[in-house]
């Protein structure tokens, strides 16, 4: 149970970070490309 909660908070943190990066469009010269299933990959700009 605790592990699930930790996983959920970690996932939401990651989602927030990914969303912020996507909003900025660039992260240290890397472009964030959103993919299905909430997976994020970076592509060099």
PDB file of N, CA and C in Angstrom:
ATOM      1  N   UNK A   1       0.831  -1.198   0.000  1.00  0.00           N
ATOM      2  CA  UNK A   1       0.000   0.000   0.000  1.00  0.00           C
ATOM      3  C   UNK A   1       0.871   1.255   0.000  1.00  0.00           C
ATOM      4  N   UNK A   2       1.824   1.293   0.934  1.00  0.00           N
ATOM      5  CA  UNK A   2       2.703   2.465   1.005  1.00  0.00           C
ATOM      6  C   UNK A   2       3.501   2.634  -0.277  1.00  0.00           C
ATOM      7  N   UNK A   3       3.916   1.507  -0.833  1.00  0.00           N
ATOM      8  CA  UNK A   3       4.693   1.557  -2.062  1.00  0.00           C
ATOM      9  C   UNK A   3       3.849   2.167  -3.184  1.00  0.00           C
ATOM     10  N   UNK A   4       2.567   1.783  -3.225  1.00  0.00           N
ATOM     11  CA  UNK A   4       1.671   2.323  -4.249  1.00  0.00           C
ATOM     12  C   UNK A   4       1.547   3.834  -4.113  1.00  0.00           C
ATOM     13  N   UNK A   5       1.382   4.292  -2.870  1.00  0.00           N
ATOM     14  CA  UNK A   5       1.259   5.731  -2.630  1.00  0.00           C
ATOM     15  C   UNK A   5       2.530   6.451  -3.066  1.00  0.00           C
ATOM     16  N   UNK A   6       3.674   5.887  -2.701  1.00  0.00           N
ATOM     17  CA  UNK A   6       4.957   6.482  -3.089  1.00  0.00           C
ATOM     18  C   UNK A   6       5.083   6.526  -4.606  1.00  0.00           C
ATOM     19  N   UNK A   7       4.637   5.451  -5.247  1.00  0.00           N
ATOM     20  CA  UNK A   7       4.707   5.374  -6.701  1.00  0.00           C
ATOM     21  C   UNK A   7       3.824   6.446  -7.337  1.00  0.00           C
ATOM     22  N   UNK A   8       2.625   6.616  -6.769  1.00  0.00           N
ATOM     23  CA  UNK A   8       1.702   7.619  -7.301  1.00  0.00           C
ATOM     24  C   UNK A   8       2.259   9.027  -7.137  1.00  0.00           C
ATOM     25  N   UNK A   9       2.803   9.332  -5.972  1.00  0.00           N
ATOM     26  CA  UNK A   9       3.358  10.671  -5.762  1.00  0.00           C
ATOM     27  C   UNK A   9       4.548  10.902  -6.682  1.00  0.00           C
ATOM     28  N   UNK A  10       5.374   9.880  -6.841  1.00  0.00           N
ATOM     29  CA  UNK A  10       6.533   9.990  -7.727  1.00  0.00           C
ATOM     30  C   UNK A  10       6.073  10.228  -9.161  1.00  0.00           C
ATOM     31  N   UNK A  11       5.025   9.505  -9.565  1.00  0.00           N
ATOM     32  CA  UNK A  11       4.501   9.636 -10.919  1.00  0.00           C
ATOM     33  C   UNK A  11       3.946  11.039 -11.150  1.00  0.00           C
ATOM     34  N   UNK A  12       3.203  11.561 -10.150  1.00  0.00           N
ATOM     35  CA  UNK A  12       2.629  12.898 -10.307  1.00  0.00           C
ATOM     36  C   UNK A  12       3.732  13.949 -10.327  1.00  0.00           C
ATOM     37  N   UNK A  13       4.770  13.738  -9.531  1.00  0.00           N
ATOM     38  CA  UNK A  13       5.922  14.657  -9.543  1.00  0.00           C
ATOM     39  C   UNK A  13       6.547  14.680 -10.925  1.00  0.00           C
ATOM     40  N   UNK A  14       6.745  13.475 -11.469  1.00  0.00           N
ATOM     41  CA  UNK A  14       7.356  13.364 -12.785  1.00  0.00           C
ATOM     42  C   UNK A  14       6.479  14.021 -13.842  1.00  0.00           C
ATOM     43  N   UNK A  15       5.157  13.804 -13.720  1.00  0.00           N
ATOM     44  CA  UNK A  15       4.215  14.385 -14.673  1.00  0.00           C
ATOM     45  C   UNK A  15       4.274  15.908 -14.611  1.00  0.00           C
ATOM     46  N   UNK A  16       4.331  16.447 -13.374  1.00  0.00           N
ATOM     47  CA  UNK A  16       4.406  17.897 -13.203  1.00  0.00           C
ATOM     48  C   UNK A  16       5.678  18.439 -13.828  1.00  0.00           C
ATOM     49  N   UNK A  17       6.789  17.752 -13.569  1.00  0.00           N
ATOM     50  CA  UNK A  17       8.071  18.171 -14.125  1.00  0.00           C
ATOM     51  C   UNK A  17       8.029  18.112 -15.647  1.00  0.00           C
ATOM     52  N   UNK A  18       7.527  17.002 -16.180  1.00  0.00           N
ATOM     53  CA  UNK A  18       7.440  16.834 -17.627  1.00  0.00           C
ATOM     54  C   UNK A  18       6.533  17.899 -18.226  1.00  0.00           C
ATOM     55  N   UNK A  19       5.424  18.192 -17.542  1.00  0.00           N
ATOM     56  CA  UNK A  19       4.509  19.219 -18.026  1.00  0.00           C
ATOM     57  C   UNK A  19       5.167  20.580 -18.049  1.00  0.00           C
ATOM     58  N   UNK A  20       5.929  20.879 -16.998  1.00  0.00           N
ATOM     59  CA  UNK A  20       6.616  22.165 -16.921  1.00  0.00           C
ATOM     60  C   UNK A  20       7.658  22.261 -18.031  1.00  0.00           C
ATOM     61  N   UNK A  21       8.391  21.190 -18.243  1.00  0.00           N
ATOM     62  CA  UNK A  21       9.406  21.163 -19.291  1.00  0.00           C
ATOM     63  C   UNK A  21       8.750  21.315 -20.656  1.00  0.00           C
ATOM     64  N   UNK A  22       7.634  20.607 -20.865  1.00  0.00           N
ATOM     65  CA  UNK A  22       6.926  20.686 -22.139  1.00  0.00           C
ATOM     66  C   UNK A  22       6.398  22.097 -22.357  1.00  0.00           C
ATOM     67  N   UNK A  23       5.942  22.738 -21.286  1.00  0.00           N
ATOM     68  CA  UNK A  23       5.434  24.100 -21.392  1.00  0.00           C
ATOM     69  C   UNK A  23       6.558  25.047 -21.790  1.00  0.00           C
ATOM     70  N   UNK A  24       7.722  24.833 -21.222  1.00  0.00           N
ATOM     71  CA  UNK A  24       8.873  25.664 -21.574  1.00  0.00           C
ATOM     72  C   UNK A  24       9.394  25.289 -22.957  1.00  0.00           C
ATOM     73  N   UNK A  25       9.075  24.078 -23.381  1.00  0.00           N
ATOM     74  CA  UNK A  25       9.437  23.629 -24.717  1.00  0.00           C
ATOM     75  C   UNK A  25      10.859  23.109 -24.840  1.00  0.00           C
ATOM     76  N   UNK A  26      11.699  23.528 -23.904  1.00  0.00           N
ATOM     77  CA  UNK A  26      13.092  23.109 -23.986  1.00  0.00           C
ATOM     78  C   UNK A  26      13.645  22.910 -22.592  1.00  0.00           C
ATOM     79  N   UNK A  27      14.530  21.980 -22.439  1.00  0.00           N
ATOM     80  CA  UNK A  27      15.136  21.703 -21.147  1.00  0.00           C
ATOM     81  C   UNK A  27      16.617  21.427 -21.365  1.00  0.00           C
ATOM     82  N   UNK A  28      17.446  22.405 -21.058  1.00  0.00           N
ATOM     83  CA  UNK A  28      18.889  22.295 -21.268  1.00  0.00           C
ATOM     84  C   UNK A  28      19.210  21.900 -22.708  1.00  0.00           C
ATOM     85  N   UNK A  29      18.508  22.514 -23.650  1.00  0.00           N
ATOM     86  CA  UNK A  29      18.784  22.235 -25.057  1.00  0.00           C
ATOM     87  C   UNK A  29      18.124  20.976 -25.579  1.00  0.00           C
ATOM     88  N   UNK A  30      17.360  20.302 -24.717  1.00  0.00           N
ATOM     89  CA  UNK A  30      16.663  19.096 -25.154  1.00  0.00           C
ATOM     90  C   UNK A  30      15.180  19.397 -25.261  1.00  0.00           C
ATOM     91  N   UNK A  31      14.574  18.943 -26.335  1.00  0.00           N
ATOM     92  CA  UNK A  31      13.148  19.144 -26.540  1.00  0.00           C
ATOM     93  C   UNK A  31      12.412  17.930 -25.991  1.00  0.00           C
ATOM     94  N   UNK A  32      11.323  18.195 -25.269  1.00  0.00           N
ATOM     95  CA  UNK A  32      10.554  17.094 -24.696  1.00  0.00           C
ATOM     96  C   UNK A  32       9.414  16.744 -25.642  1.00  0.00           C
ATOM     97  N   UNK A  33       9.338  15.480 -26.004  1.00  0.00           N
ATOM     98  CA  UNK A  33       8.304  15.021 -26.924  1.00  0.00           C
ATOM     99  C   UNK A  33       7.325  14.132 -26.175  1.00  0.00           C
ATOM    100  N   UNK A  34       6.086  14.611 -25.971  1.00  0.00           N
ATOM    101  CA  UNK A  34       5.110  13.769 -25.285  1.00  0.00           C
ATOM    102  C   UNK A  34       4.666  12.604 -26.168  1.00  0.00           C
ATOM    103  N   UNK A  35       4.542  11.436 -25.554  1.00  0.00           N
ATOM    104  CA  UNK A  35       4.096  10.250 -26.274  1.00  0.00           C
ATOM    105  C   UNK A  35       2.876   9.679 -25.569  1.00  0.00           C
ATOM    106  N   UNK A  36       2.150   8.780 -26.225  1.00  0.00           N
ATOM    107  CA  UNK A  36       1.010   8.139 -25.562  1.00  0.00           C
ATOM    108  C   UNK A  36       1.454   7.415 -24.297  1.00  0.00           C
ATOM    109  N   UNK A  37       0.509   7.144 -23.412  1.00  0.00           N
ATOM    110  CA  UNK A  37       0.765   6.426 -22.157  1.00  0.00           C
ATOM    111  C   UNK A  37       1.653   7.237 -21.216  1.00  0.00           C
ATOM    112  N   UNK A  38       1.590   8.558 -21.324  1.00  0.00           N
ATOM    113  CA  UNK A  38       2.317   9.467 -20.429  1.00  0.00           C
ATOM    114  C   UNK A  38       3.810   9.200 -20.358  1.00  0.00           C
ATOM    115  N   UNK A  39       4.381   8.692 -21.425  1.00  0.00           N
ATOM    116  CA  UNK A  39       5.826   8.502 -21.446  1.00  0.00           C
ATOM    117  C   UNK A  39       6.440   9.715 -22.124  1.00  0.00           C
ATOM    118  N   UNK A  40       7.538  10.173 -21.577  1.00  0.00           N
ATOM    119  CA  UNK A  40       8.187  11.337 -22.151  1.00  0.00           C
ATOM    120  C   UNK A  40       9.599  10.965 -22.576  1.00  0.00           C
ATOM    121  N   UNK A  41       9.931  11.346 -23.773  1.00  0.00           N
ATOM    122  CA  UNK A  41      11.293  11.129 -24.241  1.00  0.00           C
ATOM    123  C   UNK A  41      11.858  12.480 -24.665  1.00  0.00           C
ATOM    124  N   UNK A  42      13.154  12.578 -24.654  1.00  0.00           N
ATOM    125  CA  UNK A  42      13.776  13.822 -25.074  1.00  0.00           C
ATOM    126  C   UNK A  42      14.411  13.631 -26.437  1.00  0.00           C
ATOM    127  N   UNK A  43      14.354  14.657 -27.230  1.00  0.00           N
ATOM    128  CA  UNK A  43      14.984  14.633 -28.539  1.00  0.00           C
ATOM    129  C   UNK A  43      15.890  15.852 -28.624  1.00  0.00           C
ATOM    130  N   UNK A  44      17.107  15.643 -29.062  1.00  0.00           N
ATOM    131  CA  UNK A  44      18.051  16.753 -29.136  1.00  0.00           C
ATOM    132  C   UNK A  44      17.558  17.758 -30.171  1.00  0.00           C
ATOM    133  N   UNK A  45      17.558  19.037 -29.795  1.00  0.00           N
ATOM    134  CA  UNK A  45      17.091  20.082 -30.725  1.00  0.00           C
ATOM    135  C   UNK A  45      18.220  20.484 -31.643  1.00  0.00           C
TER     136      UNK A  45
END
